[in-house]
């Protein structure tokens, strides 16, 4: 009997040892990782100066996370890009700040994620004497996009500097900045309010043309040195941002670095522009970049400048912002 009990004890000990060994072995086995979520991020880039802000990312297509695929599309016109925003086809896009406000006020689920372009408007002239607002009195000024936000801002600055836009100057509107630039180059228009990159085009083609007024500086003189002209922004789809905050955060960090790179490497950036249909003539891109006033600023930091800009538009042309000021949820919270 004693031998039987002893045998049972030995067997129990052996089984316990085997059990511990098996458990330990199970604990040491690596847990297979969960499969990465596949996420597609579509980014719409509007041709023009704001497109320059994205040129490095378009070229490098940096990795935003495992399983994340980013598609960049360069849109030929604001109408095409707006249609994609309305249909929810894209998650991020560079668009005019007032367009972002208009879409938001219409219930389209996009928020302002960051600022990228702080004004690209200048008054150019073949008259070396035009260096102040007073010098514009009595002048016929070539302009584009009647009623657009840039036109409203120009009229606002005229009025703030003692000139009645309807009486003291004659604004002669042209179908596009390309056509106006050609008229300026040919000497058929003596004074014009032009955006970049067409300012650089006319300066390059006609050495008699000079920049008379930098409208971004003139805006600061009125709004305050710490309130720049918040012209163009990056928007993000609200639902996408809520579902994938880390992807959005990573994108914004890469975007900030991309803008910094363009500003510090204008010539290499111009080389990238040569191979990309971004709407900037490659031969003037390096000269245009400093006048495009590209700078990354997060939505919350940019809020005072954006609010000031939209308030001016609301006062002078309510339809350019969708008829009202957007509420605080317009600004993406990082």
C-alpha atoms as a PDB file:
ATOM      1  CA  UNK A   1       0.000   0.000   0.000  1.00  0.00           C
ATOM      2  CA  UNK A   2       2.798   2.357   0.904  1.00  0.00           C
ATOM      3  CA  UNK A   3       4.455   1.656  -2.410  1.00  0.00           C
ATOM      4  CA  UNK A   4       1.212   2.440  -4.235  1.00  0.00           C
ATOM      5  CA  UNK A   5       0.806   5.763  -2.420  1.00  0.00           C
ATOM      6  CA  UNK A   6       4.424   6.625  -3.087  1.00  0.00           C
ATOM      7  CA  UNK A   7       3.944   5.885  -6.814  1.00  0.00           C
ATOM      8  CA  UNK A   8       0.914   8.172  -6.921  1.00  0.00           C
ATOM      9  CA  UNK A   9       2.899  10.997  -5.326  1.00  0.00           C
ATOM     10  CA  UNK A  10       5.694  10.611  -7.865  1.00  0.00           C
ATOM     11  CA  UNK A  11       3.171  10.612 -10.720  1.00  0.00           C
ATOM     12  CA  UNK A  12       1.490  13.769  -9.347  1.00  0.00           C
ATOM     13  CA  UNK A  13       4.808  15.564  -9.120  1.00  0.00           C
ATOM     14  CA  UNK A  14       5.688  14.601 -12.674  1.00  0.00           C
ATOM     15  CA  UNK A  15       2.327  15.787 -13.993  1.00  0.00           C
ATOM     16  CA  UNK A  16       2.678  19.073 -12.119  1.00  0.00           C
ATOM     17  CA  UNK A  17       6.147  19.592 -13.559  1.00  0.00           C
ATOM     18  CA  UNK A  18       4.881  18.903 -17.068  1.00  0.00           C
ATOM     19  CA  UNK A  19       1.964  21.291 -16.531  1.00  0.00           C
ATOM     20  CA  UNK A  20       4.239  24.092 -15.337  1.00  0.00           C
ATOM     21  CA  UNK A  21       6.588  23.514 -18.229  1.00  0.00           C
ATOM     22  CA  UNK A  22       3.702  23.636 -20.701  1.00  0.00           C
ATOM     23  CA  UNK A  23       2.290  26.826 -19.152  1.00  0.00           C
ATOM     24  CA  UNK A  24       5.703  28.471 -19.149  1.00  0.00           C
ATOM     25  CA  UNK A  25       6.236  27.470 -22.763  1.00  0.00           C
ATOM     26  CA  UNK A  26       2.839  28.924 -23.677  1.00  0.00           C
ATOM     27  CA  UNK A  27       3.732  32.190 -21.936  1.00  0.00           C
ATOM     28  CA  UNK A  28       7.020  32.414 -23.800  1.00  0.00           C
ATOM     29  CA  UNK A  29       5.345  32.033 -27.212  1.00  0.00           C
ATOM     30  CA  UNK A  30       5.095  35.449 -28.937  1.00  0.00           C
ATOM     31  CA  UNK A  31       1.558  36.722 -29.413  1.00  0.00           C
ATOM     32  CA  UNK A  32       0.940  37.170 -33.144  1.00  0.00           C
ATOM     33  CA  UNK A  33       0.431  40.859 -33.953  1.00  0.00           C
ATOM     34  CA  UNK A  34      -2.997  42.071 -34.980  1.00  0.00           C
ATOM     35  CA  UNK A  35      -3.182  42.729 -38.699  1.00  0.00           C
ATOM     36  CA  UNK A  36      -2.619  46.415 -39.549  1.00  0.00           C
ATOM     37  CA  UNK A  37      -5.703  48.349 -40.560  1.00  0.00           C
ATOM     38  CA  UNK A  38      -5.638  49.377 -44.195  1.00  0.00           C
ATOM     39  CA  UNK A  39      -6.540  53.060 -44.517  1.00  0.00           C
ATOM     40  CA  UNK A  40      -6.651  55.118 -47.713  1.00  0.00           C
ATOM     41  CA  UNK A  41      -6.094  58.856 -47.374  1.00  0.00           C
ATOM     42  CA  UNK A  42      -6.962  60.988 -50.403  1.00  0.00           C
ATOM     43  CA  UNK A  43      -5.462  64.483 -50.456  1.00  0.00           C
ATOM     44  CA  UNK A  44      -6.626  67.192 -52.857  1.00  0.00           C
ATOM     45  CA  UNK A  45      -4.127  69.913 -53.767  1.00  0.00           C
ATOM     46  CA  UNK A  46      -5.272  73.040 -55.563  1.00  0.00           C
ATOM     47  CA  UNK A  47      -2.970  74.239 -58.344  1.00  0.00           C
ATOM     48  CA  UNK A  48      -1.149  77.430 -57.481  1.00  0.00           C
ATOM     49  CA  UNK A  49       0.829  78.827 -54.553  1.00  0.00           C
ATOM     50  CA  UNK A  50      -0.819  76.651 -51.915  1.00  0.00           C
ATOM     51  CA  UNK A  51       0.156  73.648 -54.032  1.00  0.00           C
ATOM     52  CA  UNK A  52       3.800  74.574 -53.525  1.00  0.00           C
ATOM     53  CA  UNK A  53       3.308  73.940 -49.813  1.00  0.00           C
ATOM     54  CA  UNK A  54       2.578  70.279 -50.591  1.00  0.00           C
ATOM     55  CA  UNK A  55       5.207  69.706 -53.306  1.00  0.00           C
ATOM     56  CA  UNK A  56       7.663  67.874 -51.029  1.00  0.00           C
ATOM     57  CA  UNK A  57       4.995  65.499 -49.748  1.00  0.00           C
ATOM     58  CA  UNK A  58       3.730  64.827 -53.264  1.00  0.00           C
ATOM     59  CA  UNK A  59       7.289  63.988 -54.296  1.00  0.00           C
ATOM     60  CA  UNK A  60       8.300  61.879 -51.272  1.00  0.00           C
ATOM     61  CA  UNK A  61       4.907  60.446 -50.245  1.00  0.00           C
ATOM     62  CA  UNK A  62       6.096  59.948 -46.649  1.00  0.00           C
ATOM     63  CA  UNK A  63       4.809  56.958 -44.689  1.00  0.00           C
ATOM     64  CA  UNK A  64       2.055  57.984 -42.268  1.00  0.00           C
ATOM     65  CA  UNK A  65       1.690  54.602 -40.596  1.00  0.00           C
ATOM     66  CA  UNK A  66       1.502  50.900 -41.286  1.00  0.00           C
ATOM     67  CA  UNK A  67      -1.287  50.092 -43.693  1.00  0.00           C
ATOM     68  CA  UNK A  68      -1.849  53.761 -44.636  1.00  0.00           C
ATOM     69  CA  UNK A  69      -1.898  54.579 -48.345  1.00  0.00           C
ATOM     70  CA  UNK A  70      -1.898  58.236 -49.365  1.00  0.00           C
ATOM     71  CA  UNK A  71      -3.085  59.412 -52.774  1.00  0.00           C
ATOM     72  CA  UNK A  72      -2.343  62.986 -53.847  1.00  0.00           C
ATOM     73  CA  UNK A  73      -4.363  64.610 -56.613  1.00  0.00           C
ATOM     74  CA  UNK A  74      -3.588  68.026 -58.088  1.00  0.00           C
ATOM     75  CA  UNK A  75      -6.899  69.638 -58.974  1.00  0.00           C
ATOM     76  CA  UNK A  76      -7.051  71.975 -61.949  1.00  0.00           C
ATOM     77  CA  UNK A  77      -9.755  74.274 -60.616  1.00  0.00           C
ATOM     78  CA  UNK A  78     -11.490  75.200 -57.348  1.00  0.00           C
ATOM     79  CA  UNK A  79     -14.800  73.945 -58.763  1.00  0.00           C
ATOM     80  CA  UNK A  80     -13.448  70.424 -59.280  1.00  0.00           C
ATOM     81  CA  UNK A  81     -11.911  70.343 -55.816  1.00  0.00           C
ATOM     82  CA  UNK A  82     -15.074  71.715 -54.190  1.00  0.00           C
ATOM     83  CA  UNK A  83     -17.149  69.024 -55.904  1.00  0.00           C
ATOM     84  CA  UNK A  84     -14.920  66.356 -54.386  1.00  0.00           C
ATOM     85  CA  UNK A  85     -15.252  67.945 -50.967  1.00  0.00           C
ATOM     86  CA  UNK A  86     -19.020  68.072 -51.276  1.00  0.00           C
ATOM     87  CA  UNK A  87     -19.122  64.383 -52.199  1.00  0.00           C
ATOM     88  CA  UNK A  88     -16.657  63.406 -49.457  1.00  0.00           C
ATOM     89  CA  UNK A  89     -14.200  61.888 -51.934  1.00  0.00           C
ATOM     90  CA  UNK A  90     -11.151  63.335 -50.206  1.00  0.00           C
ATOM     91  CA  UNK A  91     -10.064  63.559 -46.599  1.00  0.00           C
ATOM     92  CA  UNK A  92      -7.643  66.515 -46.728  1.00  0.00           C
ATOM     93  CA  UNK A  93      -7.391  69.480 -49.099  1.00  0.00           C
ATOM     94  CA  UNK A  94      -5.737  72.869 -49.547  1.00  0.00           C
ATOM     95  CA  UNK A  95      -8.437  75.469 -50.241  1.00  0.00           C
ATOM     96  CA  UNK A  96      -9.068  79.210 -49.694  1.00  0.00           C
ATOM     97  CA  UNK A  97      -9.939  79.895 -46.074  1.00  0.00           C
ATOM     98  CA  UNK A  98     -13.226  81.577 -46.960  1.00  0.00           C
ATOM     99  CA  UNK A  99     -14.218  78.522 -49.034  1.00  0.00           C
ATOM    100  CA  UNK A 100     -13.546  76.364 -45.985  1.00  0.00           C
ATOM    101  CA  UNK A 101     -15.874  78.587 -43.941  1.00  0.00           C
ATOM    102  CA  UNK A 102     -18.552  78.509 -46.649  1.00  0.00           C
ATOM    103  CA  UNK A 103     -18.497  74.715 -46.853  1.00  0.00           C
ATOM    104  CA  UNK A 104     -18.624  74.418 -43.070  1.00  0.00           C
ATOM    105  CA  UNK A 105     -21.585  76.799 -42.862  1.00  0.00           C
ATOM    106  CA  UNK A 106     -23.376  74.626 -45.409  1.00  0.00           C
ATOM    107  CA  UNK A 107     -22.936  71.589 -43.201  1.00  0.00           C
ATOM    108  CA  UNK A 108     -20.162  69.946 -45.212  1.00  0.00           C
ATOM    109  CA  UNK A 109     -18.094  68.062 -42.586  1.00  0.00           C
ATOM    110  CA  UNK A 110     -14.665  69.648 -42.990  1.00  0.00           C
ATOM    111  CA  UNK A 111     -12.672  71.549 -40.388  1.00  0.00           C
ATOM    112  CA  UNK A 112      -9.753  73.933 -40.723  1.00  0.00           C
ATOM    113  CA  UNK A 113      -6.738  71.817 -39.759  1.00  0.00           C
ATOM    114  CA  UNK A 114      -3.934  74.317 -40.364  1.00  0.00           C
ATOM    115  CA  UNK A 115      -2.918  77.395 -42.312  1.00  0.00           C
ATOM    116  CA  UNK A 116      -0.393  77.240 -45.135  1.00  0.00           C
ATOM    117  CA  UNK A 117      -0.479  80.439 -47.219  1.00  0.00           C
ATOM    118  CA  UNK A 118      -0.573  83.936 -45.751  1.00  0.00           C
ATOM    119  CA  UNK A 119      -1.387  86.007 -48.803  1.00  0.00           C
ATOM    120  CA  UNK A 120       0.021  86.197 -52.342  1.00  0.00           C
ATOM    121  CA  UNK A 121      -1.366  89.570 -53.514  1.00  0.00           C
ATOM    122  CA  UNK A 122       0.683  92.517 -54.811  1.00  0.00           C
ATOM    123  CA  UNK A 123       0.198  95.735 -56.754  1.00  0.00           C
ATOM    124  CA  UNK A 124       2.650  95.921 -59.637  1.00  0.00           C
ATOM    125  CA  UNK A 125       3.295  98.847 -61.953  1.00  0.00           C
ATOM    126  CA  UNK A 126       5.573 100.175 -64.658  1.00  0.00           C
ATOM    127  CA  UNK A 127       5.360 103.561 -62.929  1.00  0.00           C
ATOM    128  CA  UNK A 128       8.206 103.800 -60.441  1.00  0.00           C
ATOM    129  CA  UNK A 129       6.368 106.577 -58.593  1.00  0.00           C
ATOM    130  CA  UNK A 130       3.612 104.272 -57.327  1.00  0.00           C
ATOM    131  CA  UNK A 131       4.762 103.258 -53.867  1.00  0.00           C
ATOM    132  CA  UNK A 132       1.777 104.195 -51.685  1.00  0.00           C
ATOM    133  CA  UNK A 133      -2.006 104.032 -51.661  1.00  0.00           C
ATOM    134  CA  UNK A 134      -2.257 107.748 -52.350  1.00  0.00           C
ATOM    135  CA  UNK A 135      -0.370 107.149 -55.614  1.00  0.00           C
ATOM    136  CA  UNK A 136      -3.231 104.933 -56.800  1.00  0.00           C
ATOM    137  CA  UNK A 137      -5.795 107.740 -56.756  1.00  0.00           C
ATOM    138  CA  UNK A 138      -7.121 108.338 -60.260  1.00  0.00           C
ATOM    139  CA  UNK A 139      -5.460 105.200 -61.632  1.00  0.00           C
ATOM    140  CA  UNK A 140      -7.032 102.462 -63.723  1.00  0.00           C
ATOM    141  CA  UNK A 141      -6.032  99.206 -62.070  1.00  0.00           C
ATOM    142  CA  UNK A 142      -6.110  95.812 -63.726  1.00  0.00           C
ATOM    143  CA  UNK A 143      -7.751  93.189 -61.510  1.00  0.00           C
ATOM    144  CA  UNK A 144      -9.193  89.681 -61.619  1.00  0.00           C
ATOM    145  CA  UNK A 145     -11.971  87.658 -59.994  1.00  0.00           C
ATOM    146  CA  UNK A 146     -14.557  90.367 -59.363  1.00  0.00           C
ATOM    147  CA  UNK A 147     -16.381  89.693 -56.116  1.00  0.00           C
ATOM    148  CA  UNK A 148     -13.945  86.982 -54.990  1.00  0.00           C
ATOM    149  CA  UNK A 149     -12.270  87.159 -51.604  1.00  0.00           C
ATOM    150  CA  UNK A 150      -9.065  88.663 -53.032  1.00  0.00           C
ATOM    151  CA  UNK A 151     -11.102  91.413 -54.700  1.00  0.00           C
ATOM    152  CA  UNK A 152     -12.966  92.113 -51.459  1.00  0.00           C
ATOM    153  CA  UNK A 153      -9.693  92.370 -49.540  1.00  0.00           C
ATOM    154  CA  UNK A 154      -8.218  94.765 -52.100  1.00  0.00           C
ATOM    155  CA  UNK A 155     -11.267  97.028 -51.883  1.00  0.00           C
ATOM    156  CA  UNK A 156     -11.126  96.820 -48.094  1.00  0.00           C
ATOM    157  CA  UNK A 157      -7.500  97.939 -48.093  1.00  0.00           C
ATOM    158  CA  UNK A 158      -8.283 100.762 -50.516  1.00  0.00           C
ATOM    159  CA  UNK A 159     -11.044 102.029 -48.238  1.00  0.00           C
ATOM    160  CA  UNK A 160      -8.907 101.699 -45.114  1.00  0.00           C
ATOM    161  CA  UNK A 161      -6.279 103.840 -46.812  1.00  0.00           C
ATOM    162  CA  UNK A 162      -8.628 106.681 -47.682  1.00  0.00           C
ATOM    163  CA  UNK A 163      -9.658 105.662 -51.201  1.00  0.00           C
ATOM    164  CA  UNK A 164     -13.188 104.967 -52.366  1.00  0.00           C
ATOM    165  CA  UNK A 165     -12.978 101.860 -54.604  1.00  0.00           C
ATOM    166  CA  UNK A 166     -15.960 103.073 -56.610  1.00  0.00           C
ATOM    167  CA  UNK A 167     -14.848 106.683 -57.088  1.00  0.00           C
ATOM    168  CA  UNK A 168     -11.120 107.172 -56.567  1.00  0.00           C
ATOM    169  CA  UNK A 169      -9.895 104.317 -58.767  1.00  0.00           C
ATOM    170  CA  UNK A 170     -11.157 102.404 -61.783  1.00  0.00           C
ATOM    171  CA  UNK A 171     -10.958  98.644 -61.422  1.00  0.00           C
ATOM    172  CA  UNK A 172     -10.736  97.003 -64.834  1.00  0.00           C
ATOM    173  CA  UNK A 173     -11.402  93.281 -64.441  1.00  0.00           C
ATOM    174  CA  UNK A 174      -9.781  90.629 -66.607  1.00  0.00           C
ATOM    175  CA  UNK A 175     -10.890  87.015 -67.119  1.00  0.00           C
ATOM    176  CA  UNK A 176      -7.838  85.461 -65.476  1.00  0.00           C
ATOM    177  CA  UNK A 177      -4.490  86.372 -63.876  1.00  0.00           C
ATOM    178  CA  UNK A 178      -2.732  84.753 -66.838  1.00  0.00           C
ATOM    179  CA  UNK A 179      -4.328  87.186 -69.269  1.00  0.00           C
ATOM    180  CA  UNK A 180      -3.765  90.156 -66.979  1.00  0.00           C
ATOM    181  CA  UNK A 181      -0.113  89.205 -66.586  1.00  0.00           C
ATOM    182  CA  UNK A 182       0.330  89.148 -70.357  1.00  0.00           C
ATOM    183  CA  UNK A 183      -1.202  92.611 -70.659  1.00  0.00           C
ATOM    184  CA  UNK A 184       1.123  93.936 -67.965  1.00  0.00           C
ATOM    185  CA  UNK A 185       4.167  92.379 -69.652  1.00  0.00           C
ATOM    186  CA  UNK A 186       3.147  93.932 -72.972  1.00  0.00           C
ATOM    187  CA  UNK A 187       2.779  97.366 -71.367  1.00  0.00           C
ATOM    188  CA  UNK A 188      -0.960  97.500 -72.100  1.00  0.00           C
ATOM    189  CA  UNK A 189      -1.834  97.667 -68.390  1.00  0.00           C
ATOM    190  CA  UNK A 190       0.225 100.084 -66.301  1.00  0.00           C
ATOM    191  CA  UNK A 191      -1.006  99.119 -62.817  1.00  0.00           C
ATOM    192  CA  UNK A 192      -2.388  95.773 -61.705  1.00  0.00           C
ATOM    193  CA  UNK A 193      -3.342  93.837 -58.589  1.00  0.00           C
ATOM    194  CA  UNK A 194      -1.847  90.411 -59.226  1.00  0.00           C
ATOM    195  CA  UNK A 195      -1.269  87.219 -57.245  1.00  0.00           C
ATOM    196  CA  UNK A 196       1.799  85.048 -57.279  1.00  0.00           C
ATOM    197  CA  UNK A 197       3.132  83.310 -59.306  1.00  0.00           C
ATOM    198  CA  UNK A 198       2.096  85.850 -61.953  1.00  0.00           C
ATOM    199  CA  UNK A 199       3.884  88.635 -60.124  1.00  0.00           C
ATOM    200  CA  UNK A 200       7.148  86.754 -60.602  1.00  0.00           C
ATOM    201  CA  UNK A 201       6.250  86.060 -64.239  1.00  0.00           C
ATOM    202  CA  UNK A 202       5.794  89.748 -65.086  1.00  0.00           C
ATOM    203  CA  UNK A 203       8.900  90.781 -63.140  1.00  0.00           C
ATOM    204  CA  UNK A 204      10.884  88.161 -65.022  1.00  0.00           C
ATOM    205  CA  UNK A 205       9.564  89.098 -68.459  1.00  0.00           C
ATOM    206  CA  UNK A 206       9.521  92.885 -68.145  1.00  0.00           C
ATOM    207  CA  UNK A 207      12.252  94.508 -66.027  1.00  0.00           C
ATOM    208  CA  UNK A 208      10.356  97.820 -66.113  1.00  0.00           C
ATOM    209  CA  UNK A 209       7.690  96.356 -63.825  1.00  0.00           C
ATOM    210  CA  UNK A 210       8.131  96.815 -60.076  1.00  0.00           C
ATOM    211  CA  UNK A 211       6.205  95.793 -56.984  1.00  0.00           C
ATOM    212  CA  UNK A 212       4.545  98.917 -55.631  1.00  0.00           C
ATOM    213  CA  UNK A 213       2.573  97.489 -52.718  1.00  0.00           C
ATOM    214  CA  UNK A 214       2.762  94.242 -50.784  1.00  0.00           C
ATOM    215  CA  UNK A 215      -0.855  93.668 -49.740  1.00  0.00           C
ATOM    216  CA  UNK A 216       0.179  91.270 -46.989  1.00  0.00           C
ATOM    217  CA  UNK A 217       2.221  93.996 -45.305  1.00  0.00           C
ATOM    218  CA  UNK A 218      -0.614  96.452 -45.815  1.00  0.00           C
ATOM    219  CA  UNK A 219      -3.041  94.022 -44.168  1.00  0.00           C
ATOM    220  CA  UNK A 220      -0.786  93.774 -41.086  1.00  0.00           C
ATOM    221  CA  UNK A 221      -0.629  97.558 -40.814  1.00  0.00           C
ATOM    222  CA  UNK A 222      -4.386  97.527 -40.229  1.00  0.00           C
ATOM    223  CA  UNK A 223      -5.006  94.203 -38.479  1.00  0.00           C
ATOM    224  CA  UNK A 224      -1.815  94.207 -36.412  1.00  0.00           C
ATOM    225  CA  UNK A 225       1.657  92.809 -36.919  1.00  0.00           C
ATOM    226  CA  UNK A 226       0.684  89.526 -35.259  1.00  0.00           C
ATOM    227  CA  UNK A 227      -2.454  89.072 -37.428  1.00  0.00           C
ATOM    228  CA  UNK A 228      -1.338  87.959 -40.891  1.00  0.00           C
ATOM    229  CA  UNK A 229      -3.548  87.630 -43.952  1.00  0.00           C
ATOM    230  CA  UNK A 230      -5.040  84.127 -43.564  1.00  0.00           C
ATOM    231  CA  UNK A 231      -5.709  83.406 -47.234  1.00  0.00           C
ATOM    232  CA  UNK A 232      -5.380  79.639 -47.747  1.00  0.00           C
ATOM    233  CA  UNK A 233      -5.693  76.664 -45.426  1.00  0.00           C
ATOM    234  CA  UNK A 234      -5.713  72.888 -45.132  1.00  0.00           C
ATOM    235  CA  UNK A 235      -9.026  71.242 -44.255  1.00  0.00           C
ATOM    236  CA  UNK A 236      -9.669  67.769 -42.882  1.00  0.00           C
ATOM    237  CA  UNK A 237     -12.781  65.629 -43.002  1.00  0.00           C
ATOM    238  CA  UNK A 238     -14.237  65.718 -39.483  1.00  0.00           C
ATOM    239  CA  UNK A 239     -15.288  62.076 -39.422  1.00  0.00           C
ATOM    240  CA  UNK A 240     -11.954  60.829 -40.735  1.00  0.00           C
ATOM    241  CA  UNK A 241     -10.111  62.894 -38.124  1.00  0.00           C
ATOM    242  CA  UNK A 242     -12.270  61.436 -35.348  1.00  0.00           C
ATOM    243  CA  UNK A 243     -11.651  57.870 -36.526  1.00  0.00           C
ATOM    244  CA  UNK A 244      -7.936  58.243 -37.327  1.00  0.00           C
ATOM    245  CA  UNK A 245      -6.494  61.028 -35.153  1.00  0.00           C
ATOM    246  CA  UNK A 246      -2.965  59.602 -35.207  1.00  0.00           C
ATOM    247  CA  UNK A 247      -2.856  59.542 -39.002  1.00  0.00           C
ATOM    248  CA  UNK A 248      -4.000  63.155 -39.125  1.00  0.00           C
ATOM    249  CA  UNK A 249      -1.435  64.173 -36.497  1.00  0.00           C
ATOM    250  CA  UNK A 250       1.339  62.448 -38.428  1.00  0.00           C
ATOM    251  CA  UNK A 251       0.228  64.096 -41.665  1.00  0.00           C
ATOM    252  CA  UNK A 252       0.237  67.548 -40.076  1.00  0.00           C
ATOM    253  CA  UNK A 253       3.722  66.996 -38.652  1.00  0.00           C
ATOM    254  CA  UNK A 254       4.995  65.962 -42.078  1.00  0.00           C
ATOM    255  CA  UNK A 255       3.212  68.912 -43.665  1.00  0.00           C
ATOM    256  CA  UNK A 256       4.896  71.382 -41.348  1.00  0.00           C
ATOM    257  CA  UNK A 257       8.302  69.932 -42.233  1.00  0.00           C
ATOM    258  CA  UNK A 258       7.434  70.035 -45.943  1.00  0.00           C
ATOM    259  CA  UNK A 259       6.564  73.737 -45.811  1.00  0.00           C
ATOM    260  CA  UNK A 260       9.730  74.515 -43.855  1.00  0.00           C
ATOM    261  CA  UNK A 261      11.759  72.621 -46.462  1.00  0.00           C
ATOM    262  CA  UNK A 262      10.256  74.589 -49.365  1.00  0.00           C
ATOM    263  CA  UNK A 263      11.079  77.900 -47.683  1.00  0.00           C
ATOM    264  CA  UNK A 264      14.679  76.918 -46.955  1.00  0.00           C
ATOM    265  CA  UNK A 265      15.268  75.126 -50.275  1.00  0.00           C
ATOM    266  CA  UNK A 266      13.516  77.223 -52.964  1.00  0.00           C
ATOM    267  CA  UNK A 267      15.752  76.028 -55.808  1.00  0.00           C
ATOM    268  CA  UNK A 268      15.360  72.277 -55.100  1.00  0.00           C
ATOM    269  CA  UNK A 269      11.637  72.939 -54.628  1.00  0.00           C
ATOM    270  CA  UNK A 270      11.577  74.573 -58.067  1.00  0.00           C
ATOM    271  CA  UNK A 271      13.172  71.431 -59.495  1.00  0.00           C
ATOM    272  CA  UNK A 272      10.334  69.354 -58.037  1.00  0.00           C
ATOM    273  CA  UNK A 273       7.809  71.777 -59.512  1.00  0.00           C
ATOM    274  CA  UNK A 274       9.259  71.147 -62.989  1.00  0.00           C
ATOM    275  CA  UNK A 275       8.047  67.559 -62.799  1.00  0.00           C
ATOM    276  CA  UNK A 276       4.672  68.297 -61.247  1.00  0.00           C
ATOM    277  CA  UNK A 277       1.631  69.998 -62.749  1.00  0.00           C
ATOM    278  CA  UNK A 278       1.294  72.385 -59.820  1.00  0.00           C
ATOM    279  CA  UNK A 279       0.480  75.427 -61.958  1.00  0.00           C
ATOM    280  CA  UNK A 280       3.675  77.359 -61.271  1.00  0.00           C
ATOM    281  CA  UNK A 281       6.029  78.187 -64.157  1.00  0.00           C
ATOM    282  CA  UNK A 282       9.242  76.363 -63.240  1.00  0.00           C
ATOM    283  CA  UNK A 283      11.509  79.185 -64.427  1.00  0.00           C
ATOM    284  CA  UNK A 284      10.113  81.607 -61.834  1.00  0.00           C
ATOM    285  CA  UNK A 285       9.215  79.177 -59.043  1.00  0.00           C
ATOM    286  CA  UNK A 286      12.305  79.836 -56.936  1.00  0.00           C
ATOM    287  CA  UNK A 287      11.683  83.598 -57.108  1.00  0.00           C
ATOM    288  CA  UNK A 288       7.973  83.195 -56.377  1.00  0.00           C
ATOM    289  CA  UNK A 289       8.331  81.046 -53.254  1.00  0.00           C
ATOM    290  CA  UNK A 290       9.396  83.854 -50.866  1.00  0.00           C
ATOM    291  CA  UNK A 291       6.460  85.998 -52.025  1.00  0.00           C
ATOM    292  CA  UNK A 292       3.988  83.136 -51.506  1.00  0.00           C
ATOM    293  CA  UNK A 293       4.317  83.600 -47.730  1.00  0.00           C
ATOM    294  CA  UNK A 294       4.122  79.904 -46.933  1.00  0.00           C
ATOM    295  CA  UNK A 295       4.060  79.094 -43.244  1.00  0.00           C
ATOM    296  CA  UNK A 296       2.518  76.263 -41.281  1.00  0.00           C
ATOM    297  CA  UNK A 297       0.348  77.204 -38.328  1.00  0.00           C
ATOM    298  CA  UNK A 298      -1.986  74.894 -36.432  1.00  0.00           C
ATOM    299  CA  UNK A 299      -5.693  75.664 -36.388  1.00  0.00           C
ATOM    300  CA  UNK A 300      -5.878  76.861 -32.805  1.00  0.00           C
ATOM    301  CA  UNK A 301      -2.849  79.146 -33.084  1.00  0.00           C
ATOM    302  CA  UNK A 302      -4.213  80.550 -36.354  1.00  0.00           C
ATOM    303  CA  UNK A 303      -7.686  81.190 -34.968  1.00  0.00           C
ATOM    304  CA  UNK A 304      -7.266  84.961 -34.289  1.00  0.00           C
ATOM    305  CA  UNK A 305      -5.942  85.651 -37.787  1.00  0.00           C
ATOM    306  CA  UNK A 306      -8.565  83.471 -39.452  1.00  0.00           C
ATOM    307  CA  UNK A 307     -11.339  85.097 -37.443  1.00  0.00           C
ATOM    308  CA  UNK A 308     -10.144  88.590 -38.370  1.00  0.00           C
ATOM    309  CA  UNK A 309      -9.999  87.688 -42.058  1.00  0.00           C
ATOM    310  CA  UNK A 310     -13.433  86.083 -42.125  1.00  0.00           C
ATOM    311  CA  UNK A 311     -14.937  89.007 -40.217  1.00  0.00           C
ATOM    312  CA  UNK A 312     -13.687  91.429 -42.874  1.00  0.00           C
ATOM    313  CA  UNK A 313     -15.195  89.296 -45.624  1.00  0.00           C
ATOM    314  CA  UNK A 314     -18.453  88.944 -43.703  1.00  0.00           C
ATOM    315  CA  UNK A 315     -18.688  92.712 -43.309  1.00  0.00           C
ATOM    316  CA  UNK A 316     -17.998  93.528 -46.951  1.00  0.00           C
ATOM    317  CA  UNK A 317     -19.341  90.459 -48.753  1.00  0.00           C
ATOM    318  CA  UNK A 318     -21.250  87.963 -46.558  1.00  0.00           C
ATOM    319  CA  UNK A 319     -21.709  85.432 -49.353  1.00  0.00           C
ATOM    320  CA  UNK A 320     -17.945  84.853 -49.525  1.00  0.00           C
ATOM    321  CA  UNK A 321     -18.052  83.111 -46.119  1.00  0.00           C
ATOM    322  CA  UNK A 322     -21.442  81.460 -46.353  1.00  0.00           C
ATOM    323  CA  UNK A 323     -23.414  84.279 -44.740  1.00  0.00           C
ATOM    324  CA  UNK A 324     -22.133  83.953 -41.172  1.00  0.00           C
ATOM    325  CA  UNK A 325     -19.094  83.316 -39.036  1.00  0.00           C
ATOM    326  CA  UNK A 326     -18.392  79.623 -38.426  1.00  0.00           C
ATOM    327  CA  UNK A 327     -18.519  78.471 -34.803  1.00  0.00           C
ATOM    328  CA  UNK A 328     -15.571  77.169 -32.776  1.00  0.00           C
ATOM    329  CA  UNK A 329     -16.013  73.615 -34.054  1.00  0.00           C
ATOM    330  CA  UNK A 330     -14.781  74.908 -37.413  1.00  0.00           C
ATOM    331  CA  UNK A 331     -11.278  74.769 -35.954  1.00  0.00           C
ATOM    332  CA  UNK A 332      -9.835  71.270 -35.692  1.00  0.00           C
ATOM    333  CA  UNK A 333      -8.658  70.471 -32.175  1.00  0.00           C
ATOM    334  CA  UNK A 334      -5.374  68.569 -32.168  1.00  0.00           C
END
